Protein backbone atom coordinates (compact mmCIF):
# COMPACT_ATOMS: atom_id res chain seq x y z
CA UNK A 1 44.22 1.28 153.60
CA UNK A 2 42.20 -0.68 150.55
CA UNK A 3 38.63 1.16 151.82
CA UNK A 4 40.32 4.32 151.75
CA UNK A 5 41.08 4.57 148.23
CA UNK A 6 37.89 2.85 147.20
CA UNK A 7 36.42 5.95 149.88
CA UNK A 8 38.23 8.11 147.93
CA UNK A 9 36.99 7.22 144.70
CA UNK A 10 33.86 7.59 145.24
CA UNK A 11 34.35 10.74 146.52
CA UNK A 12 36.23 11.63 142.90
CA UNK A 13 33.40 10.27 141.36
CA UNK A 14 30.96 12.30 142.66
CA UNK A 15 32.56 15.00 142.41
CA UNK A 16 33.30 14.51 138.89
CA UNK A 17 29.17 13.70 138.30
CA UNK A 18 28.05 16.50 139.94
CA UNK A 19 30.78 18.93 137.98
CA UNK A 20 29.11 17.73 134.49
CA UNK A 21 25.58 17.96 135.97
CA UNK A 22 26.06 21.56 136.78
CA UNK A 23 27.97 22.13 133.43
CA UNK A 24 25.17 20.73 131.93
CA UNK A 25 22.22 22.44 133.41
CA UNK A 26 23.82 25.53 132.27
CA UNK A 27 24.38 24.69 128.97
CA UNK A 28 21.06 23.73 128.37
CA UNK A 29 18.80 26.76 126.65
CA UNK A 30 16.39 27.18 123.87
CA UNK A 31 16.92 28.27 120.55
CA UNK A 32 14.43 29.39 117.38
CA UNK A 33 15.50 26.16 115.91
CA UNK A 34 14.14 24.49 119.21
CA UNK A 35 10.81 24.93 117.96
CA UNK A 36 8.68 25.11 114.38
CA UNK A 37 6.93 28.58 114.24
CA UNK A 38 4.72 30.76 111.97
CA UNK A 39 3.88 34.24 111.00
CA UNK A 40 1.24 36.25 111.72
CA UNK A 41 0.33 37.40 107.90
CA UNK A 42 -2.89 38.55 105.37
CA UNK A 43 -5.20 35.95 103.79
CA UNK A 44 -8.41 35.01 103.33
CA UNK A 45 -10.91 32.97 105.74
CA UNK A 46 -13.93 31.41 104.80
CA UNK A 47 -16.33 29.89 107.42
CA UNK A 48 -18.22 26.99 106.32
CA UNK A 49 -21.05 24.30 107.66
CA UNK A 50 -20.29 20.93 105.64
CA UNK A 51 -23.12 18.36 104.97
CA UNK A 52 -24.42 16.12 102.57
CA UNK A 53 -28.25 15.86 100.86
CA UNK A 54 -30.07 14.54 97.94
CA UNK A 55 -30.91 16.17 94.33
CA UNK A 56 -34.65 16.32 93.68
CA UNK A 57 -36.59 17.80 91.55
CA UNK A 58 -38.35 20.98 93.12
CA UNK A 59 -42.07 19.57 91.93
CA UNK A 60 -42.45 15.87 91.16
CA UNK A 61 -46.03 14.54 90.40
CA UNK A 62 -47.59 11.44 91.33
CA UNK A 63 -49.81 10.51 88.29
CA UNK A 64 -52.55 7.59 89.42
CA UNK A 65 -55.97 6.11 88.73
CA UNK A 66 -59.45 6.69 90.83
CA UNK A 67 -60.73 3.21 88.80
CA UNK A 68 -59.41 -0.29 88.18
CA UNK A 69 -58.99 -2.06 85.36
CA UNK A 70 -56.85 -3.59 82.42
CA UNK A 71 -53.84 -1.57 81.27
CA UNK A 72 -54.87 -1.41 77.03
CA UNK A 73 -52.05 1.26 75.94
CA UNK A 74 -49.35 2.47 77.40
CA UNK A 75 -48.18 5.41 75.83
CA UNK A 76 -45.29 7.03 77.91
CA UNK A 77 -41.69 5.97 79.09
CA UNK A 78 -38.99 7.08 81.11
CA UNK A 79 -36.94 10.20 80.11
CA UNK A 80 -40.24 11.23 77.95
CA UNK A 81 -40.41 14.76 77.79
CA UNK A 82 -44.53 15.42 78.26
CA UNK A 83 -46.71 18.25 77.87
CA UNK A 84 -49.63 19.25 80.11
CA UNK A 85 -53.02 17.03 79.47
CA UNK A 86 -51.25 14.45 77.04
CA UNK A 87 -52.21 11.16 77.29
CA UNK A 88 -49.72 8.63 79.08
CA UNK A 89 -51.88 5.63 79.00
CA UNK A 90 -55.48 3.86 78.37
CA UNK A 91 -57.33 1.82 80.70
CA UNK A 92 -59.83 -0.97 79.17
CA UNK A 93 -63.02 0.77 78.79
CA UNK A 94 -65.49 -2.19 78.02
CA UNK A 95 -66.67 -2.41 81.52
CA UNK A 96 -66.98 1.61 82.27
CA UNK A 97 -68.84 1.99 79.45
CA UNK A 98 -71.66 -0.83 80.13
CA UNK A 99 -71.51 0.92 83.61
CA UNK A 100 -72.52 4.43 81.92
CA UNK A 101 -74.90 2.86 79.79
CA UNK A 102 -76.80 1.38 82.68
CA UNK A 103 -76.73 5.18 84.98
CA UNK A 104 -77.58 6.48 81.56
CA UNK A 105 -80.56 3.96 81.53
CA UNK A 106 -81.58 4.48 85.16
CA UNK A 107 -81.84 8.08 84.25
CA UNK A 108 -84.21 8.29 81.45
CA UNK A 109 -86.19 5.79 83.21
CA UNK A 110 -86.51 8.08 86.22
CA UNK A 111 -87.16 11.44 84.11
CA UNK A 112 -89.77 9.54 82.78
CA UNK A 113 -91.39 8.52 86.14
CA UNK A 114 -90.97 12.10 86.58
CA UNK A 115 -93.17 13.10 83.74
CA UNK A 116 -95.91 10.97 84.67
CA UNK A 117 -95.79 11.92 88.32
CA UNK A 118 -96.22 15.80 86.65
CA UNK A 119 -99.14 14.81 84.39
CA UNK A 120 -100.45 12.79 87.60
CA UNK A 121 -100.21 15.46 89.83
CA UNK A 122 -101.34 18.78 86.89
CA UNK A 123 -104.46 16.23 86.48
CA UNK A 124 -105.38 15.84 90.33
CA UNK A 125 -104.68 19.58 90.73
CA UNK A 126 -107.22 20.45 88.50
CA UNK A 127 -109.55 18.00 89.70
CA UNK A 128 -108.89 19.29 93.13
CA UNK A 129 -110.12 22.62 91.59
CA UNK A 130 -113.23 21.87 90.34
CA UNK A 131 -113.89 20.08 93.94
CA UNK A 132 -114.15 16.62 92.90
CA UNK A 133 -111.80 14.78 94.51
CA UNK A 134 -110.64 15.62 98.10
CA UNK A 135 -107.95 17.15 99.24
CA UNK A 136 -106.06 14.13 100.61
CA UNK A 137 -105.09 12.86 96.99
CA UNK A 138 -103.67 16.08 96.00
CA UNK A 139 -101.25 15.67 98.55
CA UNK A 140 -100.19 11.99 97.54
CA UNK A 141 -99.97 13.08 94.01
CA UNK A 142 -97.61 16.07 95.57
CA UNK A 143 -95.29 13.52 97.35
CA UNK A 144 -95.37 11.27 93.75
CA UNK A 145 -93.83 14.10 92.50
CA UNK A 146 -91.34 15.20 94.54
CA UNK A 147 -90.19 11.70 95.06
CA UNK A 148 -89.95 11.55 91.43
CA UNK A 149 -87.96 14.59 91.03
CA UNK A 150 -85.13 13.01 93.78
CA UNK A 151 -85.00 10.21 91.53
CA UNK A 152 -83.78 12.04 88.52
CA UNK A 153 -81.57 13.72 90.62
CA UNK A 154 -80.22 10.73 91.83
CA UNK A 155 -79.90 8.90 88.54
CA UNK A 156 -78.32 12.30 87.49
CA UNK A 157 -75.69 11.86 89.72
CA UNK A 158 -75.07 8.37 89.13
CA UNK A 159 -74.66 9.08 85.35
CA UNK A 160 -72.17 11.79 86.36
CA UNK A 161 -70.12 9.23 88.25
CA UNK A 162 -70.14 7.04 85.59
CA UNK A 163 -69.01 9.43 82.70
CA UNK A 164 -66.74 10.79 85.29
CA UNK A 165 -65.33 7.54 85.37
CA UNK A 166 -64.98 6.62 82.25
CA UNK A 167 -63.16 9.86 81.86
CA UNK A 168 -60.62 8.57 84.10
CA UNK A 169 -59.74 5.39 82.28
CA UNK A 170 -57.43 7.83 79.78
CA UNK A 171 -54.03 8.59 82.26
CA UNK A 172 -53.34 12.48 81.33
CA UNK A 173 -49.94 14.21 82.18
CA UNK A 174 -51.30 17.04 84.69
CA UNK A 175 -48.06 19.16 84.34
CA UNK A 176 -45.46 19.44 81.36
CA UNK A 177 -42.27 17.91 82.25
CA UNK A 178 -40.05 14.42 81.96
CA UNK A 179 -41.11 11.09 82.87
CA UNK A 180 -38.88 10.35 85.93
CA UNK A 181 -40.73 6.91 86.68
CA UNK A 182 -43.26 4.16 84.91
CA UNK A 183 -45.01 1.79 87.32
CA UNK A 184 -47.15 0.03 84.99
CA UNK A 185 -47.21 -2.19 81.49
CA UNK A 186 -49.46 -3.05 78.70
CA UNK A 187 -52.06 -6.01 79.96
CA UNK A 188 -51.28 -4.68 84.13
CA UNK A 189 -54.01 -4.84 86.27
CA UNK A 190 -54.62 -1.90 88.50
CA UNK A 191 -56.85 -1.74 91.48
CA UNK A 192 -57.93 2.05 93.17
CA UNK A 193 -60.23 0.20 95.86
CA UNK A 194 -58.31 0.86 98.72
CA UNK A 195 -55.75 3.90 97.51
CA UNK A 196 -54.69 5.22 94.25
CA UNK A 197 -51.99 3.80 92.93
CA UNK A 198 -49.19 5.61 91.27
CA UNK A 199 -48.79 4.63 87.16
CA UNK A 200 -45.82 7.65 86.39
CA UNK A 201 -43.69 10.35 88.32
CA UNK A 202 -43.78 13.23 86.57
CA UNK A 203 -40.69 15.82 87.49
CA UNK A 204 -42.01 19.23 86.65
CA UNK A 205 -38.90 20.58 85.53
CA UNK A 206 -35.46 18.91 85.52
CA UNK A 207 -33.83 22.84 84.69
CA UNK A 208 -33.76 23.36 88.39
CA UNK A 209 -33.27 20.85 91.19
CA UNK A 210 -33.46 21.15 94.91
CA UNK A 211 -30.89 19.65 98.08
CA UNK A 212 -32.36 18.66 101.07
CA UNK A 213 -29.51 18.73 103.33
CA UNK A 214 -29.61 17.53 106.73
CA UNK A 215 -27.62 20.12 109.17
CA UNK A 216 -27.20 19.43 112.92
CA UNK A 217 -28.60 21.58 115.29
CA UNK A 218 -24.91 23.32 116.68
CA UNK A 219 -24.98 24.94 112.97
CA UNK A 220 -28.42 25.87 111.93
CA UNK A 221 -28.69 28.79 113.54
CA UNK A 222 -25.73 30.05 111.50
CA UNK A 223 -27.73 29.43 108.24
CA UNK A 224 -30.19 31.94 106.73
CA UNK A 225 -32.42 32.12 103.27
CA UNK A 226 -30.19 33.40 100.16
CA UNK A 227 -26.43 32.25 101.73
CA UNK A 228 -24.26 30.77 98.92
CA UNK A 229 -23.68 27.33 98.34
CA UNK A 230 -20.86 25.66 96.54
CA UNK A 231 -21.27 21.66 96.50
CA UNK A 232 -19.90 18.30 94.35
CA UNK A 233 -21.49 15.27 93.43
CA UNK A 234 -19.45 11.83 93.19
CA UNK A 235 -20.24 11.71 89.21
CA UNK A 236 -18.39 14.90 88.41
CA UNK A 237 -15.39 14.83 91.02
CA UNK A 238 -13.73 17.93 89.36
CA UNK A 239 -16.70 19.94 89.16
CA UNK A 240 -18.05 22.30 91.84
CA UNK A 241 -21.66 23.62 91.78
CA UNK A 242 -23.43 26.53 92.93
CA UNK A 243 -26.83 26.84 94.50
CA UNK A 244 -28.58 29.37 97.41
CA UNK A 245 -30.22 28.47 100.38
CA UNK A 246 -34.28 28.41 100.21
CA UNK A 247 -35.96 27.29 103.10
CA UNK A 248 -35.17 26.20 106.35
CA UNK A 249 -38.06 23.66 107.64
CA UNK A 250 -38.93 23.49 111.06
CA UNK A 251 -39.60 19.81 111.56
CA UNK A 252 -36.69 17.99 113.00
CA UNK A 253 -35.44 14.58 112.36
CA UNK A 254 -33.07 12.99 115.05
CA UNK A 255 -30.15 10.37 113.47
CA UNK A 256 -27.67 8.85 115.78
CA UNK A 257 -28.89 10.82 118.91
CA UNK A 258 -28.20 14.49 116.89
CA UNK A 259 -30.86 17.18 116.46
CA UNK A 260 -31.15 17.84 112.39
CA UNK A 261 -32.73 20.31 110.46
CA UNK A 262 -33.62 19.82 106.84
CA UNK A 263 -32.29 22.91 104.62
CA UNK A 264 -33.53 23.57 101.16
CA UNK A 265 -31.01 24.65 98.51
CA UNK A 266 -32.25 25.85 95.28
CA UNK A 267 -29.96 24.20 92.10
CA UNK A 268 -29.62 25.79 88.21
CA UNK A 269 -29.48 22.84 86.39
CA UNK A 270 -29.71 24.49 83.01
CA UNK A 271 -26.62 21.67 81.93
CA UNK A 272 -28.89 18.80 82.79
CA UNK A 273 -25.73 17.01 84.38
CA UNK A 274 -27.82 16.67 87.44
CA UNK A 275 -29.67 13.61 88.17
CA UNK A 276 -32.49 13.02 90.73
CA UNK A 277 -31.23 11.02 93.44
CA UNK A 278 -27.55 12.31 93.39
CA UNK A 279 -25.89 12.37 96.57
CA UNK A 280 -24.55 16.22 97.00
CA UNK A 281 -21.44 17.29 99.42
CA UNK A 282 -22.54 20.66 100.62
CA UNK A 283 -20.46 23.66 101.99
CA UNK A 284 -22.90 26.90 103.01
CA UNK A 285 -20.63 29.81 103.33
CA UNK A 286 -21.27 31.23 106.33
CA UNK A 287 -19.07 34.33 106.42
CA UNK A 288 -15.92 35.21 104.57
CA UNK A 289 -13.38 37.92 104.93
CA UNK A 290 -10.57 38.61 102.35
CA UNK A 291 -7.09 39.76 103.22
CA UNK A 292 -7.23 39.84 107.31
CA UNK A 293 -4.43 39.18 109.41
CA UNK A 294 -4.21 35.63 110.61
CA UNK A 295 -2.88 32.49 112.09
CA UNK A 296 -2.89 28.65 111.71
CA UNK A 297 -5.11 27.08 114.13
CA UNK A 298 -2.56 24.71 115.31
CA UNK A 299 -0.45 27.79 116.75
CA UNK A 300 -3.41 28.24 119.20
CA UNK A 301 -3.30 24.22 120.17
CA UNK A 302 0.03 24.78 121.19
CA UNK A 303 1.07 24.22 124.70
CA UNK A 304 4.14 24.14 126.33
CA UNK A 305 5.69 20.54 127.21
CA UNK A 306 6.98 20.00 131.30
CA UNK A 307 10.65 20.30 129.71
CA UNK A 308 9.86 23.60 127.85
CA UNK A 309 7.55 24.98 131.15
CA UNK A 310 10.69 26.45 132.96
CA UNK A 311 11.50 28.67 129.64
CA UNK A 312 7.73 30.07 130.14
CA UNK A 313 7.36 33.71 131.83
CA UNK A 314 4.94 33.44 134.28
CA UNK A 315 1.55 35.88 133.44
CA UNK A 316 -1.82 35.83 134.78
CA UNK A 317 -4.13 35.18 132.17
CA UNK A 318 -7.80 35.23 132.54
CA UNK A 319 -9.23 34.75 128.38
CA UNK A 320 -12.19 36.38 127.22
CA UNK A 321 -14.94 34.61 124.99
CA UNK A 322 -13.28 36.19 121.90
CA UNK A 323 -9.78 35.84 123.47
CA UNK A 324 -7.07 33.21 122.61
CA UNK A 325 -3.82 32.63 123.69
CA UNK A 326 -0.20 31.84 121.57
CA UNK A 327 3.50 31.53 122.80
CA UNK A 328 6.23 34.53 121.10
CA UNK A 329 10.17 33.15 121.04
CA UNK A 330 12.23 35.95 122.44
CA UNK A 331 15.80 36.01 124.29
CA UNK A 332 15.49 32.47 125.56
CA UNK A 333 12.19 32.29 126.55
CA UNK A 334 8.78 31.55 125.86
CA UNK A 335 6.37 34.99 126.00
CA UNK A 336 2.46 33.55 126.36
CA UNK A 337 0.68 36.40 124.53
CA UNK A 338 -3.41 37.37 124.30
CA UNK A 339 -4.63 38.21 121.45
CA UNK A 340 -8.48 38.85 119.89
CA UNK A 341 -10.08 36.47 117.50
CA UNK A 342 -12.41 37.39 114.71
CA UNK A 343 -14.05 34.98 112.18
CA UNK A 344 -12.67 31.36 112.60
CA UNK A 345 -12.30 28.09 110.05
CA UNK A 346 -11.05 25.01 109.75
CA UNK A 347 -7.40 25.95 109.19
CA UNK A 348 -7.22 29.77 110.04
CA UNK A 349 -8.14 32.29 112.79
CA UNK A 350 -8.44 35.86 112.15
CA UNK A 351 -6.22 38.35 114.40
CA UNK A 352 -8.65 41.15 115.68
CA UNK A 353 -6.24 42.53 117.85
CA UNK A 354 -2.85 41.69 119.85
CA UNK A 355 -0.65 40.86 117.37
CA UNK A 356 0.84 42.68 114.31
CA UNK A 357 1.62 41.72 111.08
CA UNK A 358 5.20 39.40 110.63
CA UNK A 359 4.91 38.36 114.31
CA UNK A 360 6.19 35.00 114.71
CA UNK A 361 4.31 32.35 116.97
CA UNK A 362 5.04 28.56 118.03
CA UNK A 363 3.15 26.12 116.86
CA UNK A 364 5.51 22.88 117.83
CA UNK A 365 8.86 22.14 120.05
CA UNK A 366 11.43 20.04 118.23
CA UNK A 367 13.25 18.49 120.65
CA UNK A 368 17.31 18.73 120.21
CA UNK A 369 16.63 21.54 117.63
CA UNK A 370 16.01 20.20 114.46
CA UNK A 371 14.75 16.81 115.57
CA UNK A 372 10.63 16.26 116.05
CA UNK A 373 9.73 14.30 119.56
CA UNK A 374 9.50 10.75 118.85
């Protein structure tokens, strides 16, 4: 008897569970409040490539010396504005003067020997014409005169070098500009035996600067000359500066296994706010379109989860490269919709066809119609 009641109770429980499940299954429906949605609307899209680079003067001249010596005077300092030909420093000239005097003395001696050889040649030539000496004596005199002439040329060259080296003791600016680096002090010895030492760096015109930005190979194909550029620097975080792409250098570099190309950006620095060496955070405008239909890129990322999939209309989709699929909500169902993409940036995608303005597109499922799934 007891078993009978137990079996009867199990049957009643199973029937009740089945009825409850059947009732809930019928009641499970999707509502508009089950999703976050966004509408196709008009707005602006700007496709950009971002990069970092270093601000540099367009033309920087290294001022060095071709002679060794002790720095006797330093007449220019950091940030000085200098003119072309202006004296920047003076080396001690005592040794250079002695070298010039020695070269001059050897030149005068060579000229004296040249005069003697010439007189001797003229005398022997006259004797040869009078048939008083053999031709061999004339030829010997010719050789002595030619040797004397060559010695004069050699001595003259040595004197010219000594004179030029004396002039190199005066360090002058080759261009008009601003001193941005000074590498010498008074009393310092500079040696030019192996390579020309750099004494000053002169930036030719700081009112015009350039940025050398590094662009990855995936983006370099979009960069063209004369494209507009905006950038910021840490020193002036609230200011936005403008520039123009002037050159794409063809020599690549590899950074962390990524091929990078240098893009030179010309910048107006009339305000003199930008200083050499600053890091610029660059945005290069590839293309922009105003007042076009657009969707947030998040709408393209939404995919129905397993629970929602049973409410999705089944369609056969073969997307083309310029197409994308989104989901609309219609009468408790999710309707896959294909549209044509246009310009895309990091936040928006242009709707070039397939969707009308105001169409609501699903961006996220909210569990329970108002609570986000955890």
